[in-house]
Amino acid sequence: MKYSACIEMLYHECDFIQRIYEAKKSGFDAIEFWLWQPKDIDGIKKALDKTGLELGIFQGNIEGRMIDPKDNEIYITGVKQSIRVAKKL
């Protein structure tokens, strides 16, 4: 079994990237967070590579609602952007 830390909720005394290193020190196998858009993706990638931690999950939709047909195009566009980020990480 692998353990993942939601670093949005932990290590508030540290900046976001440092939280990844703190999760590693705490013995976690992976990290997770909420929105990726305001984050330093390159910094996250570098920290994941250095620590060997995995990215467990982040929020995949950006705008719109999956169940509202009017939002279909904007929802899918956001999910596709998130997939590109997920592949990078």
PDB file of N, CA and C in Angstrom:
ATOM      1  N   MET A   1       0.832  -1.162   0.000  1.00  0.00           N
ATOM      2  CA  MET A   1       0.000   0.000   0.000  1.00  0.00           C
ATOM      3  C   MET A   1       0.889   1.241   0.000  1.00  0.00           C
ATOM      4  N   LYS A   2       0.500   2.235  -0.792  1.00  0.00           N
ATOM      5  CA  LYS A   2       1.229   3.499  -0.835  1.00  0.00           C
ATOM      6  C   LYS A   2       0.423   4.566  -0.105  1.00  0.00           C
ATOM      7  N   TYR A   3       1.145   5.491   0.518  1.00  0.00           N
ATOM      8  CA  TYR A   3       0.511   6.575   1.263  1.00  0.00           C
ATOM      9  C   TYR A   3       0.785   7.901   0.573  1.00  0.00           C
ATOM     10  N   SER A   4      -0.287   8.676   0.416  1.00  0.00           N
ATOM     11  CA  SER A   4      -0.201   9.960  -0.257  1.00  0.00           C
ATOM     12  C   SER A   4      -0.604  11.079   0.699  1.00  0.00           C
ATOM     13  N   ALA A   5       0.121  12.177   0.651  1.00  0.00           N
ATOM     14  CA  ALA A   5      -0.169  13.341   1.488  1.00  0.00           C
ATOM     15  C   ALA A   5      -0.763  14.447   0.637  1.00  0.00           C
ATOM     16  N   CYS A   6      -1.882  15.008   1.064  1.00  0.00           N
ATOM     17  CA  CYS A   6      -2.433  16.198   0.412  1.00  0.00           C
ATOM     18  C   CYS A   6      -1.669  17.392   0.952  1.00  0.00           C
ATOM     19  N   ILE A   7      -0.720  17.876   0.178  1.00  0.00           N
ATOM     20  CA  ILE A   7       0.151  18.932   0.679  1.00  0.00           C
ATOM     21  C   ILE A   7      -0.533  20.299   0.695  1.00  0.00           C
ATOM     22  N   GLU A   8      -1.765  20.382   0.228  1.00  0.00           N
ATOM     23  CA  GLU A   8      -2.541  21.612   0.425  1.00  0.00           C
ATOM     24  C   GLU A   8      -2.869  21.778   1.906  1.00  0.00           C
ATOM     25  N   MET A   9      -3.002  20.662   2.601  1.00  0.00           N
ATOM     26  CA  MET A   9      -3.447  20.669   3.989  1.00  0.00           C
ATOM     27  C   MET A   9      -2.315  20.508   4.999  1.00  0.00           C
ATOM     28  N   LEU A  10      -1.133  20.209   4.538  1.00  0.00           N
ATOM     29  CA  LEU A  10      -0.010  19.916   5.430  1.00  0.00           C
ATOM     30  C   LEU A  10       1.153  20.877   5.194  1.00  0.00           C
ATOM     31  N   TYR A  11       1.976  21.020   6.200  1.00  0.00           N
ATOM     32  CA  TYR A  11       3.243  21.746   6.102  1.00  0.00           C
ATOM     33  C   TYR A  11       3.045  23.222   5.711  1.00  0.00           C
ATOM     34  N   HIS A  12       2.056  23.866   6.289  1.00  0.00           N
ATOM     35  CA  HIS A  12       1.758  25.262   5.957  1.00  0.00           C
ATOM     36  C   HIS A  12       2.889  26.219   6.302  1.00  0.00           C
ATOM     37  N   GLU A  13       3.811  25.784   7.133  1.00  0.00           N
ATOM     38  CA  GLU A  13       4.939  26.643   7.477  1.00  0.00           C
ATOM     39  C   GLU A  13       5.943  26.748   6.320  1.00  0.00           C
ATOM     40  N   CYS A  14       5.759  25.933   5.293  1.00  0.00           N
ATOM     41  CA  CYS A  14       6.682  25.887   4.152  1.00  0.00           C
ATOM     42  C   CYS A  14       6.011  26.419   2.896  1.00  0.00           C
ATOM     43  N   ASP A  15       6.843  26.881   1.949  1.00  0.00           N
ATOM     44  CA  ASP A  15       6.267  27.218   0.649  1.00  0.00           C
ATOM     45  C   ASP A  15       5.852  25.926  -0.045  1.00  0.00           C
ATOM     46  N   PHE A  16       5.113  26.041  -1.122  1.00  0.00           N
ATOM     47  CA  PHE A  16       4.480  24.870  -1.718  1.00  0.00           C
ATOM     48  C   PHE A  16       5.482  23.804  -2.157  1.00  0.00           C
ATOM     49  N   ILE A  17       6.533  24.197  -2.830  1.00  0.00           N
ATOM     50  CA  ILE A  17       7.521  23.217  -3.313  1.00  0.00           C
ATOM     51  C   ILE A  17       8.201  22.514  -2.139  1.00  0.00           C
ATOM     52  N   GLN A  18       8.535  23.257  -1.094  1.00  0.00           N
ATOM     53  CA  GLN A  18       9.186  22.652   0.078  1.00  0.00           C
ATOM     54  C   GLN A  18       8.289  21.604   0.718  1.00  0.00           C
ATOM     55  N   ARG A  19       6.988  21.743   0.589  1.00  0.00           N
ATOM     56  CA  ARG A  19       6.057  20.765   1.158  1.00  0.00           C
ATOM     57  C   ARG A  19       6.280  19.366   0.564  1.00  0.00           C
ATOM     58  N   ILE A  20       6.723  19.312  -0.679  1.00  0.00           N
ATOM     59  CA  ILE A  20       7.008  18.015  -1.311  1.00  0.00           C
ATOM     60  C   ILE A  20       8.163  17.333  -0.578  1.00  0.00           C
ATOM     61  N   TYR A  21       9.197  18.105  -0.278  1.00  0.00           N
ATOM     62  CA  TYR A  21      10.341  17.555   0.452  1.00  0.00           C
ATOM     63  C   TYR A  21       9.944  17.145   1.869  1.00  0.00           C
ATOM     64  N   GLU A  22       9.065  17.911   2.481  1.00  0.00           N
ATOM     65  CA  GLU A  22       8.579  17.570   3.823  1.00  0.00           C
ATOM     66  C   GLU A  22       7.777  16.271   3.792  1.00  0.00           C
ATOM     67  N   ALA A  23       6.984  16.076   2.755  1.00  0.00           N
ATOM     68  CA  ALA A  23       6.218  14.835   2.623  1.00  0.00           C
ATOM     69  C   ALA A  23       7.159  13.639   2.507  1.00  0.00           C
ATOM     70  N   LYS A  24       8.236  13.816   1.771  1.00  0.00           N
ATOM     71  CA  LYS A  24       9.236  12.749   1.652  1.00  0.00           C
ATOM     72  C   LYS A  24       9.857  12.443   3.016  1.00  0.00           C
ATOM     73  N   LYS A  25      10.238  13.488   3.755  1.00  0.00           N
ATOM     74  CA  LYS A  25      10.821  13.298   5.082  1.00  0.00           C
ATOM     75  C   LYS A  25       9.854  12.586   6.024  1.00  0.00           C
ATOM     76  N   SER A  26       8.574  12.805   5.816  1.00  0.00           N
ATOM     77  CA  SER A  26       7.552  12.190   6.675  1.00  0.00           C
ATOM     78  C   SER A  26       7.238  10.754   6.287  1.00  0.00           C
ATOM     79  N   GLY A  27       7.827  10.288   5.187  1.00  0.00           N
ATOM     80  CA  GLY A  27       7.662   8.897   4.802  1.00  0.00           C
ATOM     81  C   GLY A  27       6.534   8.606   3.821  1.00  0.00           C
ATOM     82  N   PHE A  28       5.964   9.638   3.229  1.00  0.00           N
ATOM     83  CA  PHE A  28       4.914   9.407   2.238  1.00  0.00           C
ATOM     84  C   PHE A  28       5.503   8.901   0.928  1.00  0.00           C
ATOM     85  N   ASP A  29       4.673   8.208   0.159  1.00  0.00           N
ATOM     86  CA  ASP A  29       5.071   7.670  -1.140  1.00  0.00           C
ATOM     87  C   ASP A  29       4.670   8.582  -2.294  1.00  0.00           C
ATOM     88  N   ALA A  30       3.687   9.438  -2.045  1.00  0.00           N
ATOM     89  CA  ALA A  30       3.136  10.283  -3.099  1.00  0.00           C
ATOM     90  C   ALA A  30       2.577  11.559  -2.480  1.00  0.00           C
ATOM     91  N   ILE A  31       2.335  12.535  -3.347  1.00  0.00           N
ATOM     92  CA  ILE A  31       1.672  13.759  -2.912  1.00  0.00           C
ATOM     93  C   ILE A  31       0.430  13.967  -3.771  1.00  0.00           C
ATOM     94  N   GLU A  32      -0.441  14.813  -3.273  1.00  0.00           N
ATOM     95  CA  GLU A  32      -1.592  15.254  -4.041  1.00  0.00           C
ATOM     96  C   GLU A  32      -1.850  16.704  -3.690  1.00  0.00           C
ATOM     97  N   PHE A  33      -2.526  17.395  -4.589  1.00  0.00           N
ATOM     98  CA  PHE A  33      -2.898  18.784  -4.342  1.00  0.00           C
ATOM     99  C   PHE A  33      -4.145  19.098  -5.142  1.00  0.00           C
ATOM    100  N   TRP A  34      -4.659  20.305  -4.958  1.00  0.00           N
ATOM    101  CA  TRP A  34      -5.912  20.664  -5.604  1.00  0.00           C
ATOM    102  C   TRP A  34      -5.659  21.216  -6.998  1.00  0.00           C
ATOM    103  N   LEU A  35      -5.745  22.481  -7.179  1.00  0.00           N
ATOM    104  CA  LEU A  35      -5.602  23.096  -8.506  1.00  0.00           C
ATOM    105  C   LEU A  35      -4.144  23.155  -8.940  1.00  0.00           C
ATOM    106  N   TRP A  36      -3.890  22.871 -10.203  1.00  0.00           N
ATOM    107  CA  TRP A  36      -2.516  22.948 -10.701  1.00  0.00           C
ATOM    108  C   TRP A  36      -2.221  24.308 -11.334  1.00  0.00           C
ATOM    109  N   GLN A  37      -3.254  25.029 -11.769  1.00  0.00           N
ATOM    110  CA  GLN A  37      -3.051  26.251 -12.550  1.00  0.00           C
ATOM    111  C   GLN A  37      -2.175  27.299 -11.859  1.00  0.00           C
ATOM    112  N   PRO A  38      -2.354  27.573 -10.572  1.00  0.00           N
ATOM    113  CA  PRO A  38      -1.509  28.619  -9.982  1.00  0.00           C
ATOM    114  C   PRO A  38      -0.157  28.114  -9.482  1.00  0.00           C
ATOM    115  N   LYS A  39       0.179  26.872  -9.766  1.00  0.00           N
ATOM    116  CA  LYS A  39       1.383  26.254  -9.198  1.00  0.00           C
ATOM    117  C   LYS A  39       2.565  26.308 -10.177  1.00  0.00           C
ATOM    118  N   ASP A  40       3.750  26.199  -9.625  1.00  0.00           N
ATOM    119  CA  ASP A  40       4.993  26.127 -10.392  1.00  0.00           C
ATOM    120  C   ASP A  40       5.189  24.667 -10.834  1.00  0.00           C
ATOM    121  N   ILE A  41       4.692  24.339 -11.997  1.00  0.00           N
ATOM    122  CA  ILE A  41       4.712  22.951 -12.480  1.00  0.00           C
ATOM    123  C   ILE A  41       6.142  22.454 -12.651  1.00  0.00           C
ATOM    124  N   ASP A  42       7.019  23.290 -13.194  1.00  0.00           N
ATOM    125  CA  ASP A  42       8.416  22.872 -13.358  1.00  0.00           C
ATOM    126  C   ASP A  42       9.072  22.618 -11.991  1.00  0.00           C
ATOM    127  N   GLY A  43       8.767  23.466 -11.017  1.00  0.00           N
ATOM    128  CA  GLY A  43       9.296  23.266  -9.667  1.00  0.00           C
ATOM    129  C   GLY A  43       8.770  21.995  -9.025  1.00  0.00           C
ATOM    130  N   ILE A  44       7.492  21.711  -9.237  1.00  0.00           N
ATOM    131  CA  ILE A  44       6.903  20.470  -8.718  1.00  0.00           C
ATOM    132  C   ILE A  44       7.573  19.269  -9.362  1.00  0.00           C
ATOM    133  N   LYS A  45       7.749  19.318 -10.677  1.00  0.00           N
ATOM    134  CA  LYS A  45       8.389  18.209 -11.400  1.00  0.00           C
ATOM    135  C   LYS A  45       9.803  17.964 -10.876  1.00  0.00           C
ATOM    136  N   LYS A  46      10.542  19.037 -10.680  1.00  0.00           N
ATOM    137  CA  LYS A  46      11.919  18.903 -10.181  1.00  0.00           C
ATOM    138  C   LYS A  46      11.925  18.271  -8.785  1.00  0.00           C
ATOM    139  N   ALA A  47      11.027  18.718  -7.913  1.00  0.00           N
ATOM    140  CA  ALA A  47      10.969  18.172  -6.551  1.00  0.00           C
ATOM    141  C   ALA A  47      10.530  16.708  -6.560  1.00  0.00           C
ATOM    142  N   LEU A  48       9.584  16.358  -7.412  1.00  0.00           N
ATOM    143  CA  LEU A  48       9.161  14.960  -7.510  1.00  0.00           C
ATOM    144  C   LEU A  48      10.319  14.088  -7.988  1.00  0.00           C
ATOM    145  N   ASP A  49      11.036  14.575  -8.994  1.00  0.00           N
ATOM    146  CA  ASP A  49      12.181  13.815  -9.508  1.00  0.00           C
ATOM    147  C   ASP A  49      13.262  13.642  -8.442  1.00  0.00           C
ATOM    148  N   LYS A  50      13.538  14.705  -7.696  1.00  0.00           N
ATOM    149  CA  LYS A  50      14.587  14.639  -6.672  1.00  0.00           C
ATOM    150  C   LYS A  50      14.208  13.724  -5.512  1.00  0.00           C
ATOM    151  N   THR A  51      12.933  13.733  -5.137  1.00  0.00           N
ATOM    152  CA  THR A  51      12.505  12.944  -3.971  1.00  0.00           C
ATOM    153  C   THR A  51      12.094  11.525  -4.332  1.00  0.00           C
ATOM    154  N   GLY A  52      11.769  11.298  -5.589  1.00  0.00           N
ATOM    155  CA  GLY A  52      11.256   9.996  -5.990  1.00  0.00           C
ATOM    156  C   GLY A  52       9.786   9.800  -5.640  1.00  0.00           C
ATOM    157  N   LEU A  53       9.142  10.862  -5.133  1.00  0.00           N
ATOM    158  CA  LEU A  53       7.714  10.763  -4.835  1.00  0.00           C
ATOM    159  C   LEU A  53       6.902  10.742  -6.118  1.00  0.00           C
ATOM    160  N   GLU A  54       5.739  10.154  -6.028  1.00  0.00           N
ATOM    161  CA  GLU A  54       4.803  10.143  -7.149  1.00  0.00           C
ATOM    162  C   GLU A  54       3.759  11.226  -6.929  1.00  0.00           C
ATOM    163  N   LEU A  55       3.135  11.640  -8.006  1.00  0.00           N
ATOM    164  CA  LEU A  55       1.968  12.506  -7.907  1.00  0.00           C
ATOM    165  C   LEU A  55       0.755  11.600  -7.927  1.00  0.00           C
ATOM    166  N   GLY A  56       0.000  11.611  -6.838  1.00  0.00           N
ATOM    167  CA  GLY A  56      -1.173  10.750  -6.740  1.00  0.00           C
ATOM    168  C   GLY A  56      -2.356  11.298  -7.512  1.00  0.00           C
ATOM    169  N   ILE A  57      -2.630  12.598  -7.324  1.00  0.00           N
ATOM    170  CA  ILE A  57      -3.819  13.179  -7.941  1.00  0.00           C
ATOM    171  C   ILE A  57      -3.786  14.697  -7.809  1.00  0.00           C
ATOM    172  N   PHE A  58      -4.436  15.360  -8.749  1.00  0.00           N
ATOM    173  CA  PHE A  58      -4.788  16.769  -8.605  1.00  0.00           C
ATOM    174  C   PHE A  58      -6.118  16.971  -9.305  1.00  0.00           C
ATOM    175  N   GLN A  59      -6.730  18.111  -9.078  1.00  0.00           N
ATOM    176  CA  GLN A  59      -8.041  18.382  -9.666  1.00  0.00           C
ATOM    177  C   GLN A  59      -7.909  18.524 -11.171  1.00  0.00           C
ATOM    178  N   GLY A  60      -8.722  17.779 -11.916  1.00  0.00           N
ATOM    179  CA  GLY A  60      -8.586  17.734 -13.363  1.00  0.00           C
ATOM    180  C   GLY A  60      -9.441  18.709 -14.141  1.00  0.00           C
ATOM    181  N   ASN A  61     -10.557  19.125 -13.574  1.00  0.00           N
ATOM    182  CA  ASN A  61     -11.370  20.069 -14.336  1.00  0.00           C
ATOM    183  C   ASN A  61     -11.011  21.496 -13.954  1.00  0.00           C
ATOM    184  N   ILE A  62     -11.163  22.397 -14.898  1.00  0.00           N
ATOM    185  CA  ILE A  62     -10.809  23.791 -14.679  1.00  0.00           C
ATOM    186  C   ILE A  62     -12.072  24.641 -14.583  1.00  0.00           C
ATOM    187  N   GLU A  63     -12.939  24.474 -15.565  1.00  0.00           N
ATOM    188  CA  GLU A  63     -14.184  25.232 -15.597  1.00  0.00           C
ATOM    189  C   GLU A  63     -15.312  24.320 -16.041  1.00  0.00           C
ATOM    190  N   GLY A  64     -16.505  24.756 -15.766  1.00  0.00           N
ATOM    191  CA  GLY A  64     -17.671  24.017 -16.225  1.00  0.00           C
ATOM    192  C   GLY A  64     -18.002  22.832 -15.358  1.00  0.00           C
ATOM    193  N   ARG A  65     -19.153  22.275 -15.674  1.00  0.00           N
ATOM    194  CA  ARG A  65     -19.636  21.111 -14.931  1.00  0.00           C
ATOM    195  C   ARG A  65     -19.822  19.941 -15.889  1.00  0.00           C
ATOM    196  N   MET A  66     -19.387  18.800 -15.461  1.00  0.00           N
ATOM    197  CA  MET A  66     -19.442  17.599 -16.284  1.00  0.00           C
ATOM    198  C   MET A  66     -20.880  17.245 -16.675  1.00  0.00           C
ATOM    199  N   ILE A  67     -21.838  17.525 -15.826  1.00  0.00           N
ATOM    200  CA  ILE A  67     -23.206  17.082 -16.062  1.00  0.00           C
ATOM    201  C   ILE A  67     -24.065  18.100 -16.810  1.00  0.00           C
ATOM    202  N   ASP A  68     -23.526  19.275 -17.119  1.00  0.00           N
ATOM    203  CA  ASP A  68     -24.285  20.306 -17.824  1.00  0.00           C
ATOM    204  C   ASP A  68     -23.880  20.319 -19.296  1.00  0.00           C
ATOM    205  N   PRO A  69     -24.780  19.928 -20.193  1.00  0.00           N
ATOM    206  CA  PRO A  69     -24.437  19.885 -21.622  1.00  0.00           C
ATOM    207  C   PRO A  69     -23.921  21.218 -22.163  1.00  0.00           C
ATOM    208  N   LYS A  70     -24.357  22.336 -21.592  1.00  0.00           N
ATOM    209  CA  LYS A  70     -23.875  23.644 -22.049  1.00  0.00           C
ATOM    210  C   LYS A  70     -22.385  23.830 -21.765  1.00  0.00           C
ATOM    211  N   ASP A  71     -21.877  23.133 -20.765  1.00  0.00           N
ATOM    212  CA  ASP A  71     -20.471  23.265 -20.361  1.00  0.00           C
ATOM    213  C   ASP A  71     -19.569  22.227 -21.016  1.00  0.00           C
ATOM    214  N   ASN A  72     -20.113  21.388 -21.847  1.00  0.00           N
ATOM    215  CA  ASN A  72     -19.368  20.256 -22.407  1.00  0.00           C
ATOM    216  C   ASN A  72     -18.025  20.670 -23.007  1.00  0.00           C
ATOM    217  N   GLU A  73     -18.035  21.634 -23.899  1.00  0.00           N
ATOM    218  CA  GLU A  73     -16.807  22.009 -24.596  1.00  0.00           C
ATOM    219  C   GLU A  73     -15.766  22.602 -23.640  1.00  0.00           C
ATOM    220  N   ILE A  74     -16.188  23.525 -22.786  1.00  0.00           N
ATOM    221  CA  ILE A  74     -15.235  24.157 -21.873  1.00  0.00           C
ATOM    222  C   ILE A  74     -14.716  23.156 -20.841  1.00  0.00           C
ATOM    223  N   TYR A  75     -15.565  22.244 -20.410  1.00  0.00           N
ATOM    224  CA  TYR A  75     -15.150  21.225 -19.448  1.00  0.00           C
ATOM    225  C   TYR A  75     -14.094  20.314 -20.072  1.00  0.00           C
ATOM    226  N   ILE A  76     -14.366  19.822 -21.258  1.00  0.00           N
ATOM    227  CA  ILE A  76     -13.436  18.898 -21.930  1.00  0.00           C
ATOM    228  C   ILE A  76     -12.119  19.590 -22.252  1.00  0.00           C
ATOM    229  N   THR A  77     -12.175  20.851 -22.670  1.00  0.00           N
ATOM    230  CA  THR A  77     -10.944  21.602 -22.949  1.00  0.00           C
ATOM    231  C   THR A  77     -10.072  21.669 -21.692  1.00  0.00           C
ATOM    232  N   GLY A  78     -10.677  21.965 -20.555  1.00  0.00           N
ATOM    233  CA  GLY A  78      -9.928  22.040 -19.307  1.00  0.00           C
ATOM    234  C   GLY A  78      -9.337  20.703 -18.899  1.00  0.00           C
ATOM    235  N   VAL A  79     -10.098  19.646 -19.077  1.00  0.00           N
ATOM    236  CA  VAL A  79      -9.597  18.319 -18.734  1.00  0.00           C
ATOM    237  C   VAL A  79      -8.411  17.955 -19.625  1.00  0.00           C
ATOM    238  N   LYS A  80      -8.480  18.308 -20.901  1.00  0.00           N
ATOM    239  CA  LYS A  80      -7.361  18.034 -21.810  1.00  0.00           C
ATOM    240  C   LYS A  80      -6.104  18.790 -21.379  1.00  0.00           C
ATOM    241  N   GLN A  81      -6.266  20.036 -20.930  1.00  0.00           N
ATOM    242  CA  GLN A  81      -5.112  20.787 -20.420  1.00  0.00           C
ATOM    243  C   GLN A  81      -4.538  20.096 -19.190  1.00  0.00           C
ATOM    244  N   SER A  82      -5.404  19.628 -18.317  1.00  0.00           N
ATOM    245  CA  SER A  82      -4.957  18.938 -17.110  1.00  0.00           C
ATOM    246  C   SER A  82      -4.234  17.641 -17.441  1.00  0.00           C
ATOM    247  N   ILE A  83      -4.674  16.939 -18.455  1.00  0.00           N
ATOM    248  CA  ILE A  83      -4.011  15.701 -18.877  1.00  0.00           C
ATOM    249  C   ILE A  83      -2.580  15.993 -19.316  1.00  0.00           C
ATOM    250  N   ARG A  84      -2.386  17.085 -20.052  1.00  0.00           N
ATOM    251  CA  ARG A  84      -1.028  17.444 -20.475  1.00  0.00           C
ATOM    252  C   ARG A  84      -0.124  17.707 -19.262  1.00  0.00           C
ATOM    253  N   VAL A  85      -0.654  18.402 -18.264  1.00  0.00           N
ATOM    254  CA  VAL A  85       0.127  18.661 -17.057  1.00  0.00           C
ATOM    255  C   VAL A  85       0.404  17.366 -16.315  1.00  0.00           C
ATOM    256  N   ALA A  86      -0.602  16.514 -16.202  1.00  0.00           N
ATOM    257  CA  ALA A  86      -0.428  15.233 -15.505  1.00  0.00           C
ATOM    258  C   ALA A  86       0.650  14.387 -16.175  1.00  0.00           C
ATOM    259  N   LYS A  87       0.673  14.367 -17.488  1.00  0.00           N
ATOM    260  CA  LYS A  87       1.700  13.600 -18.196  1.00  0.00           C
ATOM    261  C   LYS A  87       3.100  14.158 -17.921  1.00  0.00           C
ATOM    262  N   LYS A  88       3.185  15.479 -17.816  1.00  0.00           N
ATOM    263  CA  LYS A  88       4.482  16.104 -17.519  1.00  0.00           C
ATOM    264  C   LYS A  88       4.955  15.710 -16.122  1.00  0.00           C
ATOM    265  N   LEU A  89       4.025  15.688 -15.202  1.00  0.00           N
ATOM    266  CA  LEU A  89       4.393  15.386 -13.818  1.00  0.00           C
ATOM    267  C   LEU A  89       4.504  13.890 -13.580  1.00  0.00           C
TER     268      LEU A  89
END
